[in-house]
Amino acid sequence: MLDQIALGILVFAGIVLFYGIIVLHDIPYEIAVHRNHPHQDAIHAAGWVSLFTLHALWPFLWIWAMLYREDRGWGFATDKQRIQAERDLPQELAELRQRVEQLEQRSQAGLHPEGKR
């Protein structure tokens, strides 16, 4: 009787451990789904690969899943920084166009961009 109970506990522990490891490897994928990550499928596939490599890739998958947020994209820029950068874009574009026009005029005049021949 005691042997059967011990065997039942051993089988139960093995099943819980088996499924626990599978659930553990899926955490980065769940984070990616929650954050609407553009690379969800790649993170999920790499999670299975990590399962067979004894979770060697798992910390990197966690970082990869955590880097993206739908409201701010990649990295750590806040909304204020992003809005300011978007405001500055037209001015930067105008300055770059002006520089390109100057360089084209110099090249048509036969001068190098530095003003030397």
N, C-alpha and C. Protein backbone atom coordinates (compact mmCIF):
# COMPACT_ATOMS: atom_id res chain seq x y z
N MET A 1 0.82 -1.19 0.00
CA MET A 1 0.00 0.00 0.00
C MET A 1 0.86 1.26 0.00
N LEU A 2 1.86 1.30 0.87
CA LEU A 2 2.75 2.45 0.94
C LEU A 2 3.56 2.61 -0.35
N ASP A 3 3.90 1.51 -0.99
CA ASP A 3 4.63 1.56 -2.25
C ASP A 3 3.79 2.21 -3.34
N GLN A 4 2.51 1.92 -3.36
CA GLN A 4 1.63 2.51 -4.38
C GLN A 4 1.45 4.01 -4.16
N ILE A 5 1.34 4.42 -2.92
CA ILE A 5 1.22 5.85 -2.62
C ILE A 5 2.50 6.58 -3.02
N ALA A 6 3.65 6.01 -2.70
CA ALA A 6 4.92 6.61 -3.06
C ALA A 6 5.06 6.70 -4.58
N LEU A 7 4.66 5.66 -5.27
CA LEU A 7 4.71 5.67 -6.74
C LEU A 7 3.77 6.74 -7.29
N GLY A 8 2.60 6.89 -6.73
CA GLY A 8 1.65 7.92 -7.16
C GLY A 8 2.21 9.32 -6.96
N ILE A 9 2.83 9.54 -5.80
CA ILE A 9 3.44 10.84 -5.53
C ILE A 9 4.58 11.11 -6.50
N LEU A 10 5.39 10.10 -6.78
CA LEU A 10 6.50 10.25 -7.71
C LEU A 10 6.02 10.57 -9.12
N VAL A 11 4.98 9.89 -9.59
CA VAL A 11 4.43 10.15 -10.91
C VAL A 11 3.83 11.55 -10.96
N PHE A 12 3.09 11.93 -9.91
CA PHE A 12 2.49 13.26 -9.84
C PHE A 12 3.58 14.34 -9.87
N ALA A 13 4.64 14.17 -9.11
CA ALA A 13 5.73 15.14 -9.07
C ALA A 13 6.41 15.23 -10.43
N GLY A 14 6.59 14.12 -11.10
CA GLY A 14 7.19 14.13 -12.44
C GLY A 14 6.34 14.88 -13.44
N ILE A 15 5.03 14.65 -13.40
CA ILE A 15 4.13 15.35 -14.33
C ILE A 15 4.12 16.85 -14.04
N VAL A 16 4.05 17.24 -12.76
CA VAL A 16 4.05 18.65 -12.39
C VAL A 16 5.37 19.31 -12.82
N LEU A 17 6.47 18.63 -12.63
CA LEU A 17 7.77 19.18 -13.02
C LEU A 17 7.86 19.33 -14.54
N PHE A 18 7.39 18.34 -15.27
CA PHE A 18 7.41 18.38 -16.73
C PHE A 18 6.62 19.57 -17.25
N TYR A 19 5.38 19.72 -16.80
CA TYR A 19 4.55 20.82 -17.28
C TYR A 19 5.00 22.16 -16.71
N GLY A 20 5.57 22.15 -15.52
CA GLY A 20 6.10 23.39 -14.94
C GLY A 20 7.22 23.96 -15.77
N ILE A 21 8.10 23.10 -16.26
CA ILE A 21 9.20 23.56 -17.11
C ILE A 21 8.67 24.13 -18.43
N ILE A 22 7.65 23.50 -18.98
CA ILE A 22 7.07 24.00 -20.23
C ILE A 22 6.42 25.37 -20.00
N VAL A 23 5.72 25.52 -18.89
CA VAL A 23 5.10 26.81 -18.58
C VAL A 23 6.19 27.87 -18.35
N LEU A 24 7.25 27.50 -17.68
CA LEU A 24 8.35 28.43 -17.41
C LEU A 24 8.98 28.92 -18.71
N HIS A 25 9.20 28.03 -19.65
CA HIS A 25 9.86 28.46 -20.90
C HIS A 25 8.95 29.37 -21.72
N ASP A 26 7.66 29.37 -21.45
CA ASP A 26 6.71 30.14 -22.24
C ASP A 26 6.49 31.55 -21.70
N ILE A 27 7.10 31.91 -20.59
CA ILE A 27 6.89 33.24 -19.99
C ILE A 27 7.30 34.37 -20.94
N PRO A 28 8.47 34.34 -21.60
CA PRO A 28 8.79 35.43 -22.53
C PRO A 28 7.77 35.57 -23.66
N TYR A 29 7.24 34.46 -24.14
CA TYR A 29 6.22 34.52 -25.19
C TYR A 29 4.95 35.19 -24.67
N GLU A 30 4.55 34.86 -23.47
CA GLU A 30 3.36 35.48 -22.88
C GLU A 30 3.56 36.98 -22.69
N ILE A 31 4.75 37.39 -22.30
CA ILE A 31 5.06 38.81 -22.19
C ILE A 31 4.95 39.47 -23.56
N ALA A 32 5.50 38.81 -24.58
CA ALA A 32 5.44 39.36 -25.93
C ALA A 32 4.01 39.50 -26.43
N VAL A 33 3.17 38.53 -26.12
CA VAL A 33 1.77 38.60 -26.53
C VAL A 33 1.09 39.76 -25.81
N HIS A 34 1.35 39.89 -24.52
CA HIS A 34 0.73 40.95 -23.73
C HIS A 34 1.15 42.34 -24.23
N ARG A 35 2.38 42.48 -24.69
CA ARG A 35 2.88 43.76 -25.17
C ARG A 35 2.69 43.96 -26.66
N ASN A 36 2.03 43.01 -27.32
CA ASN A 36 1.80 43.06 -28.77
C ASN A 36 3.13 43.23 -29.52
N HIS A 37 4.09 42.41 -29.15
CA HIS A 37 5.45 42.44 -29.70
C HIS A 37 5.42 42.02 -31.17
N PRO A 38 6.17 42.71 -32.06
CA PRO A 38 6.16 42.32 -33.46
C PRO A 38 6.86 40.99 -33.75
N HIS A 39 7.65 40.48 -32.81
CA HIS A 39 8.38 39.23 -33.03
C HIS A 39 7.87 38.10 -32.14
N GLN A 40 6.58 38.06 -31.89
CA GLN A 40 6.00 37.06 -30.99
C GLN A 40 6.34 35.63 -31.42
N ASP A 41 6.17 35.36 -32.70
CA ASP A 41 6.40 33.99 -33.18
C ASP A 41 7.86 33.58 -33.04
N ALA A 42 8.77 34.50 -33.30
CA ALA A 42 10.20 34.19 -33.17
C ALA A 42 10.55 33.93 -31.71
N ILE A 43 9.98 34.71 -30.80
CA ILE A 43 10.24 34.50 -29.37
C ILE A 43 9.69 33.16 -28.93
N HIS A 44 8.52 32.79 -29.45
CA HIS A 44 7.93 31.50 -29.08
C HIS A 44 8.79 30.34 -29.60
N ALA A 45 9.23 30.43 -30.85
CA ALA A 45 10.07 29.37 -31.41
C ALA A 45 11.40 29.28 -30.67
N ALA A 46 12.00 30.43 -30.37
CA ALA A 46 13.27 30.43 -29.64
C ALA A 46 13.08 29.90 -28.22
N GLY A 47 11.89 30.08 -27.66
CA GLY A 47 11.60 29.50 -26.35
C GLY A 47 11.64 27.99 -26.38
N TRP A 48 11.10 27.40 -27.43
CA TRP A 48 11.17 25.93 -27.56
C TRP A 48 12.60 25.46 -27.77
N VAL A 49 13.36 26.22 -28.56
CA VAL A 49 14.77 25.87 -28.74
C VAL A 49 15.49 25.95 -27.40
N SER A 50 15.17 26.98 -26.63
CA SER A 50 15.78 27.15 -25.31
C SER A 50 15.41 26.00 -24.38
N LEU A 51 14.23 25.46 -24.54
CA LEU A 51 13.82 24.31 -23.73
C LEU A 51 14.75 23.13 -23.96
N PHE A 52 15.18 22.94 -25.19
CA PHE A 52 16.06 21.82 -25.51
C PHE A 52 17.54 22.13 -25.23
N THR A 53 17.85 23.40 -24.96
CA THR A 53 19.22 23.76 -24.60
C THR A 53 19.33 24.09 -23.12
N LEU A 54 18.43 23.52 -22.33
CA LEU A 54 18.40 23.70 -20.87
C LEU A 54 18.25 25.18 -20.49
N HIS A 55 17.44 25.89 -21.23
CA HIS A 55 17.10 27.29 -20.98
C HIS A 55 18.30 28.23 -21.05
N ALA A 56 19.28 27.92 -21.86
CA ALA A 56 20.44 28.80 -22.01
C ALA A 56 20.05 30.12 -22.66
N LEU A 57 19.07 30.10 -23.56
CA LEU A 57 18.65 31.31 -24.25
C LEU A 57 17.57 32.08 -23.51
N TRP A 58 17.00 31.48 -22.49
CA TRP A 58 15.82 32.03 -21.84
C TRP A 58 16.00 33.45 -21.31
N PRO A 59 17.11 33.81 -20.64
CA PRO A 59 17.25 35.20 -20.18
C PRO A 59 17.27 36.21 -21.33
N PHE A 60 17.85 35.83 -22.45
CA PHE A 60 17.89 36.73 -23.60
C PHE A 60 16.50 36.88 -24.21
N LEU A 61 15.70 35.82 -24.17
CA LEU A 61 14.33 35.91 -24.67
C LEU A 61 13.50 36.82 -23.77
N TRP A 62 13.73 36.74 -22.49
CA TRP A 62 13.03 37.60 -21.54
C TRP A 62 13.34 39.08 -21.87
N ILE A 63 14.63 39.38 -22.06
CA ILE A 63 15.04 40.75 -22.37
C ILE A 63 14.43 41.19 -23.70
N TRP A 64 14.47 40.33 -24.70
CA TRP A 64 13.92 40.63 -26.02
C TRP A 64 12.42 40.94 -25.92
N ALA A 65 11.71 40.17 -25.14
CA ALA A 65 10.27 40.39 -24.99
C ALA A 65 9.98 41.67 -24.23
N MET A 66 10.84 42.03 -23.28
CA MET A 66 10.60 43.20 -22.45
C MET A 66 11.00 44.51 -23.13
N LEU A 67 11.84 44.46 -24.16
CA LEU A 67 12.33 45.69 -24.80
C LEU A 67 11.25 46.46 -25.53
N TYR A 68 10.24 45.78 -26.03
CA TYR A 68 9.23 46.44 -26.86
C TYR A 68 7.97 46.71 -26.04
N ARG A 69 7.45 47.92 -26.20
CA ARG A 69 6.14 48.25 -25.66
C ARG A 69 5.36 48.97 -26.74
N GLU A 70 4.10 48.63 -26.87
CA GLU A 70 3.30 49.17 -27.96
C GLU A 70 3.17 50.69 -27.88
N ASP A 71 3.12 51.25 -26.69
CA ASP A 71 2.93 52.68 -26.56
C ASP A 71 4.18 53.50 -26.86
N ARG A 72 5.37 52.91 -26.71
CA ARG A 72 6.59 53.68 -26.96
C ARG A 72 7.57 53.00 -27.91
N GLY A 73 7.26 51.80 -28.35
CA GLY A 73 8.14 51.11 -29.28
C GLY A 73 9.34 50.51 -28.58
N TRP A 74 10.49 50.56 -29.25
CA TRP A 74 11.71 49.99 -28.71
C TRP A 74 12.40 51.00 -27.80
N GLY A 75 13.10 50.52 -26.82
CA GLY A 75 13.92 51.38 -25.99
C GLY A 75 13.18 52.00 -24.83
N PHE A 76 13.71 53.13 -24.37
CA PHE A 76 13.22 53.72 -23.14
C PHE A 76 12.69 55.13 -23.32
N ALA A 77 12.46 55.58 -24.54
CA ALA A 77 11.99 56.94 -24.77
C ALA A 77 10.59 57.11 -24.18
N THR A 78 10.39 58.23 -23.49
CA THR A 78 9.07 58.53 -22.96
C THR A 78 8.26 59.25 -24.01
N ASP A 79 7.00 59.46 -23.74
CA ASP A 79 6.15 60.15 -24.70
C ASP A 79 6.62 61.57 -24.95
N LYS A 80 7.09 62.26 -23.90
CA LYS A 80 7.55 63.63 -24.07
C LYS A 80 8.76 63.68 -25.00
N GLN A 81 9.69 62.75 -24.83
CA GLN A 81 10.88 62.72 -25.69
C GLN A 81 10.50 62.42 -27.12
N ARG A 82 9.59 61.48 -27.31
CA ARG A 82 9.18 61.10 -28.65
C ARG A 82 8.44 62.23 -29.34
N ILE A 83 7.56 62.92 -28.60
CA ILE A 83 6.81 64.04 -29.18
C ILE A 83 7.75 65.16 -29.56
N GLN A 84 8.74 65.46 -28.71
CA GLN A 84 9.71 66.51 -29.02
C GLN A 84 10.54 66.15 -30.26
N ALA A 85 10.94 64.86 -30.35
CA ALA A 85 11.71 64.42 -31.52
C ALA A 85 10.87 64.54 -32.79
N GLU A 86 9.58 64.22 -32.70
CA GLU A 86 8.71 64.34 -33.87
C GLU A 86 8.50 65.80 -34.26
N ARG A 87 8.48 66.70 -33.28
CA ARG A 87 8.36 68.13 -33.59
C ARG A 87 9.60 68.65 -34.29
N ASP A 88 10.76 68.13 -33.93
CA ASP A 88 12.02 68.60 -34.50
C ASP A 88 12.28 68.04 -35.90
N LEU A 89 11.59 66.99 -36.30
CA LEU A 89 11.85 66.35 -37.59
C LEU A 89 11.68 67.27 -38.79
N PRO A 90 10.60 68.06 -38.90
CA PRO A 90 10.48 68.93 -40.10
C PRO A 90 11.63 69.93 -40.21
N GLN A 91 12.05 70.49 -39.08
CA GLN A 91 13.16 71.45 -39.12
C GLN A 91 14.45 70.77 -39.55
N GLU A 92 14.71 69.59 -39.01
CA GLU A 92 15.91 68.85 -39.41
C GLU A 92 15.87 68.49 -40.89
N LEU A 93 14.70 68.10 -41.36
CA LEU A 93 14.56 67.75 -42.77
C LEU A 93 14.82 68.95 -43.66
N ALA A 94 14.29 70.11 -43.28
CA ALA A 94 14.52 71.33 -44.07
C ALA A 94 16.00 71.68 -44.10
N GLU A 95 16.68 71.55 -42.95
CA GLU A 95 18.12 71.84 -42.91
C GLU A 95 18.90 70.88 -43.78
N LEU A 96 18.54 69.61 -43.75
CA LEU A 96 19.24 68.62 -44.58
C LEU A 96 19.01 68.88 -46.06
N ARG A 97 17.78 69.24 -46.43
CA ARG A 97 17.51 69.56 -47.84
C ARG A 97 18.32 70.77 -48.30
N GLN A 98 18.44 71.77 -47.42
CA GLN A 98 19.23 72.95 -47.75
C GLN A 98 20.70 72.58 -47.95
N ARG A 99 21.24 71.73 -47.09
CA ARG A 99 22.63 71.29 -47.23
C ARG A 99 22.84 70.51 -48.52
N VAL A 100 21.88 69.64 -48.85
CA VAL A 100 21.99 68.87 -50.09
C VAL A 100 21.98 69.79 -51.29
N GLU A 101 21.10 70.80 -51.29
CA GLU A 101 21.06 71.75 -52.40
C GLU A 101 22.38 72.51 -52.52
N GLN A 102 22.97 72.92 -51.39
CA GLN A 102 24.25 73.60 -51.43
C GLN A 102 25.34 72.70 -52.00
N LEU A 103 25.34 71.44 -51.58
CA LEU A 103 26.34 70.50 -52.09
C LEU A 103 26.16 70.25 -53.58
N GLU A 104 24.92 70.17 -54.03
CA GLU A 104 24.67 69.98 -55.46
C GLU A 104 25.13 71.19 -56.26
N GLN A 105 24.89 72.38 -55.73
CA GLN A 105 25.33 73.59 -56.42
C GLN A 105 26.85 73.64 -56.51
N ARG A 106 27.52 73.27 -55.45
CA ARG A 106 28.99 73.25 -55.46
C ARG A 106 29.52 72.21 -56.45
N SER A 107 28.87 71.05 -56.48
CA SER A 107 29.36 70.02 -57.40
C SER A 107 29.10 70.42 -58.86
N GLN A 108 28.03 71.14 -59.12
CA GLN A 108 27.76 71.62 -60.49
C GLN A 108 28.74 72.71 -60.88
N ALA A 109 29.21 73.45 -59.89
CA ALA A 109 30.19 74.51 -60.17
C ALA A 109 31.61 73.92 -60.30
N GLY A 110 31.76 72.65 -60.06
CA GLY A 110 33.05 72.01 -60.21
C GLY A 110 33.88 72.02 -58.95
N LEU A 111 33.29 72.32 -57.85
CA LEU A 111 34.03 72.35 -56.57
C LEU A 111 33.72 71.08 -55.78
N HIS A 112 34.70 70.71 -54.95
CA HIS A 112 34.46 69.60 -54.04
C HIS A 112 33.58 70.12 -52.91
N PRO A 113 32.91 69.24 -52.19
CA PRO A 113 32.01 69.66 -51.11
C PRO A 113 32.68 70.54 -50.06
N GLU A 114 34.00 70.40 -49.86
CA GLU A 114 34.69 71.21 -48.88
C GLU A 114 35.00 72.61 -49.41
N GLY A 115 34.75 72.83 -50.69
CA GLY A 115 35.03 74.13 -51.29
C GLY A 115 36.38 74.17 -51.98
N LYS A 116 37.11 73.05 -52.05
CA LYS A 116 38.44 72.98 -52.68
C LYS A 116 38.30 72.30 -54.03
N ARG A 117 39.21 72.56 -54.88
CA ARG A 117 39.23 71.89 -56.19
C ARG A 117 40.22 70.81 -56.25
